[in-house]
N, C-alpha and C. Protein backbone atom coordinates (compact mmCIF):
# COMPACT_ATOMS: atom_id res chain seq x y z
N UNK A 1 0.84 -1.18 0.00
CA UNK A 1 0.00 0.00 0.00
C UNK A 1 0.88 1.24 0.00
N UNK A 2 0.53 2.20 -0.86
CA UNK A 2 1.32 3.42 -0.95
C UNK A 2 1.04 4.32 0.26
N UNK A 3 2.06 5.06 0.66
CA UNK A 3 1.92 6.02 1.74
C UNK A 3 1.79 7.40 1.11
N UNK A 4 0.70 8.09 1.41
CA UNK A 4 0.45 9.42 0.87
C UNK A 4 0.56 10.46 1.98
N UNK A 5 0.73 11.71 1.56
CA UNK A 5 0.71 12.82 2.51
C UNK A 5 -0.13 13.95 1.91
N UNK A 6 -0.59 14.83 2.76
CA UNK A 6 -1.37 15.97 2.28
C UNK A 6 -0.53 16.76 1.29
N UNK A 7 -1.16 17.16 0.18
CA UNK A 7 -0.46 17.90 -0.86
C UNK A 7 0.04 17.03 -2.00
N UNK A 8 0.04 15.70 -1.81
CA UNK A 8 0.45 14.79 -2.89
C UNK A 8 -0.53 14.89 -4.06
N UNK A 9 0.01 14.77 -5.26
CA UNK A 9 -0.82 14.71 -6.46
C UNK A 9 -1.03 13.23 -6.78
N UNK A 10 -2.29 12.83 -6.85
CA UNK A 10 -2.64 11.42 -7.03
C UNK A 10 -3.61 11.28 -8.20
N UNK A 11 -3.87 10.04 -8.52
CA UNK A 11 -4.81 9.69 -9.58
C UNK A 11 -5.47 8.38 -9.17
N UNK A 12 -6.70 8.17 -9.64
CA UNK A 12 -7.32 6.87 -9.41
C UNK A 12 -6.51 5.80 -10.13
N UNK A 13 -6.39 4.63 -9.55
CA UNK A 13 -5.67 3.53 -10.21
C UNK A 13 -6.29 3.19 -11.56
N UNK A 14 -7.57 3.46 -11.72
CA UNK A 14 -8.25 3.18 -12.99
C UNK A 14 -8.11 4.32 -13.99
N UNK A 15 -7.43 5.40 -13.60
CA UNK A 15 -7.22 6.55 -14.49
C UNK A 15 -8.01 7.75 -14.02
N UNK A 16 -8.04 8.79 -14.85
CA UNK A 16 -8.78 9.99 -14.50
C UNK A 16 -7.86 11.17 -14.28
N UNK A 17 -8.43 12.29 -13.80
CA UNK A 17 -7.64 13.51 -13.64
C UNK A 17 -6.65 13.42 -12.48
N UNK A 18 -5.64 14.27 -12.52
CA UNK A 18 -4.74 14.35 -11.37
C UNK A 18 -5.44 15.19 -10.30
N UNK A 19 -5.31 14.74 -9.04
CA UNK A 19 -6.00 15.35 -7.92
C UNK A 19 -4.99 15.62 -6.81
N UNK A 20 -5.29 16.60 -5.98
CA UNK A 20 -4.44 16.93 -4.84
C UNK A 20 -5.13 16.50 -3.55
N UNK A 21 -4.38 15.80 -2.71
CA UNK A 21 -4.92 15.36 -1.41
C UNK A 21 -4.96 16.56 -0.47
N UNK A 22 -6.14 16.81 0.08
CA UNK A 22 -6.34 17.92 1.02
C UNK A 22 -6.19 17.45 2.46
N UNK A 23 -6.80 16.30 2.78
CA UNK A 23 -6.76 15.79 4.15
C UNK A 23 -7.14 14.31 4.15
N UNK A 24 -6.87 13.67 5.28
CA UNK A 24 -7.20 12.25 5.47
C UNK A 24 -8.18 12.12 6.63
N UNK A 25 -8.90 11.00 6.66
CA UNK A 25 -9.73 10.68 7.83
C UNK A 25 -9.87 9.17 7.93
N UNK A 26 -10.45 8.72 9.03
CA UNK A 26 -10.58 7.28 9.36
C UNK A 26 -9.22 6.58 9.30
N UNK A 27 -8.27 7.10 10.05
CA UNK A 27 -6.92 6.52 10.12
C UNK A 27 -6.28 6.37 8.74
N UNK A 28 -6.40 7.42 7.91
CA UNK A 28 -5.82 7.47 6.56
C UNK A 28 -6.44 6.47 5.59
N UNK A 29 -7.60 5.92 5.93
CA UNK A 29 -8.28 4.99 5.01
C UNK A 29 -8.95 5.73 3.85
N UNK A 30 -9.25 7.02 4.06
CA UNK A 30 -9.90 7.84 3.04
C UNK A 30 -9.16 9.16 2.90
N UNK A 31 -9.15 9.67 1.66
CA UNK A 31 -8.51 10.95 1.39
C UNK A 31 -9.52 11.87 0.73
N UNK A 32 -9.58 13.11 1.21
CA UNK A 32 -10.36 14.13 0.54
C UNK A 32 -9.45 14.79 -0.49
N UNK A 33 -9.92 14.82 -1.74
CA UNK A 33 -9.11 15.33 -2.84
C UNK A 33 -9.84 16.45 -3.57
N UNK A 34 -9.09 17.32 -4.23
CA UNK A 34 -9.64 18.36 -5.08
C UNK A 34 -8.96 18.28 -6.43
N UNK A 35 -9.66 18.69 -7.49
CA UNK A 35 -9.08 18.69 -8.83
C UNK A 35 -9.83 19.66 -9.72
N UNK A 36 -9.21 20.00 -10.84
CA UNK A 36 -9.81 20.88 -11.83
C UNK A 36 -10.12 20.07 -13.07
N UNK A 37 -11.35 20.17 -13.55
CA UNK A 37 -11.77 19.47 -14.76
C UNK A 37 -11.62 20.41 -15.94
N UNK A 38 -10.60 20.16 -16.78
CA UNK A 38 -10.33 21.04 -17.91
C UNK A 38 -11.41 20.92 -18.99
N UNK A 39 -12.13 19.82 -19.04
CA UNK A 39 -13.19 19.66 -20.04
C UNK A 39 -14.40 20.53 -19.74
N UNK A 40 -14.78 20.61 -18.49
CA UNK A 40 -15.96 21.39 -18.11
C UNK A 40 -15.58 22.71 -17.43
N UNK A 41 -14.28 22.95 -17.25
CA UNK A 41 -13.78 24.16 -16.58
C UNK A 41 -14.41 24.31 -15.19
N UNK A 42 -14.38 23.21 -14.46
CA UNK A 42 -15.00 23.16 -13.14
C UNK A 42 -13.97 22.74 -12.10
N UNK A 43 -13.92 23.47 -10.99
CA UNK A 43 -13.09 23.07 -9.85
C UNK A 43 -13.94 22.21 -8.94
N UNK A 44 -13.51 20.98 -8.73
CA UNK A 44 -14.18 20.08 -7.79
C UNK A 44 -13.51 20.30 -6.44
N UNK A 45 -14.22 20.94 -5.53
CA UNK A 45 -13.61 21.39 -4.29
C UNK A 45 -13.18 20.26 -3.38
N UNK A 46 -13.98 19.21 -3.29
CA UNK A 46 -13.55 18.10 -2.46
C UNK A 46 -14.42 16.87 -2.71
N UNK A 47 -13.76 15.74 -2.76
CA UNK A 47 -14.46 14.47 -2.87
C UNK A 47 -13.62 13.43 -2.13
N UNK A 48 -14.26 12.48 -1.48
CA UNK A 48 -13.56 11.46 -0.71
C UNK A 48 -13.34 10.21 -1.54
N UNK A 49 -12.15 9.64 -1.39
CA UNK A 49 -11.79 8.40 -2.06
C UNK A 49 -11.10 7.47 -1.07
N UNK A 50 -11.38 6.17 -1.12
CA UNK A 50 -10.57 5.24 -0.32
C UNK A 50 -9.13 5.31 -0.83
N UNK A 51 -8.18 5.34 0.08
CA UNK A 51 -6.78 5.43 -0.34
C UNK A 51 -6.34 4.19 -1.12
N UNK A 52 -7.05 3.09 -0.97
CA UNK A 52 -6.71 1.87 -1.72
C UNK A 52 -6.90 2.02 -3.22
N UNK A 53 -7.71 2.98 -3.66
CA UNK A 53 -7.95 3.15 -5.10
C UNK A 53 -7.09 4.25 -5.71
N UNK A 54 -6.18 4.84 -4.91
CA UNK A 54 -5.33 5.93 -5.38
C UNK A 54 -3.90 5.48 -5.63
N UNK A 55 -3.25 6.18 -6.55
CA UNK A 55 -1.81 5.99 -6.78
C UNK A 55 -1.20 7.37 -6.97
N UNK A 56 0.10 7.50 -6.68
CA UNK A 56 0.78 8.76 -6.92
C UNK A 56 0.78 9.05 -8.41
N UNK A 57 0.52 10.29 -8.77
CA UNK A 57 0.53 10.69 -10.17
C UNK A 57 1.97 10.85 -10.61
N UNK A 58 2.32 10.21 -11.71
CA UNK A 58 3.66 10.32 -12.29
C UNK A 58 3.51 10.95 -13.66
N UNK A 59 4.09 12.13 -13.81
CA UNK A 59 3.99 12.84 -15.08
C UNK A 59 4.97 12.25 -16.07
N UNK A 60 4.47 11.83 -17.23
CA UNK A 60 5.38 11.32 -18.26
C UNK A 60 5.75 12.48 -19.20
N UNK A 61 6.62 12.22 -20.13
CA UNK A 61 7.13 13.29 -20.99
C UNK A 61 6.02 13.91 -21.85
N UNK A 62 5.02 13.15 -22.26
CA UNK A 62 3.92 13.71 -23.05
C UNK A 62 3.07 14.65 -22.21
N UNK A 63 2.81 14.29 -20.95
CA UNK A 63 2.04 15.17 -20.07
C UNK A 63 2.78 16.49 -19.88
N UNK A 64 4.07 16.43 -19.67
CA UNK A 64 4.87 17.63 -19.45
C UNK A 64 4.87 18.51 -20.70
N UNK A 65 4.87 17.90 -21.86
CA UNK A 65 4.91 18.63 -23.12
C UNK A 65 3.59 19.37 -23.39
N UNK A 66 2.47 18.69 -23.13
CA UNK A 66 1.17 19.26 -23.47
C UNK A 66 0.56 20.09 -22.36
N UNK A 67 1.09 20.08 -21.14
CA UNK A 67 0.49 20.86 -20.05
C UNK A 67 1.36 21.99 -19.63
């Protein structure tokens, strides 16, 4: 299991947008995350995810080039 900290940029293991961890609860079993949806131009202020479904976001060279 990965160890996360507040401020880490994460992504769902199944894919999706990069999100920032705001806080943890239930002994770090859940993380509240925020992210910006570039398709709808919407800031998602907070949503809870089980930490088991998250992975650290790793930017590859294509992401760095296009963002």
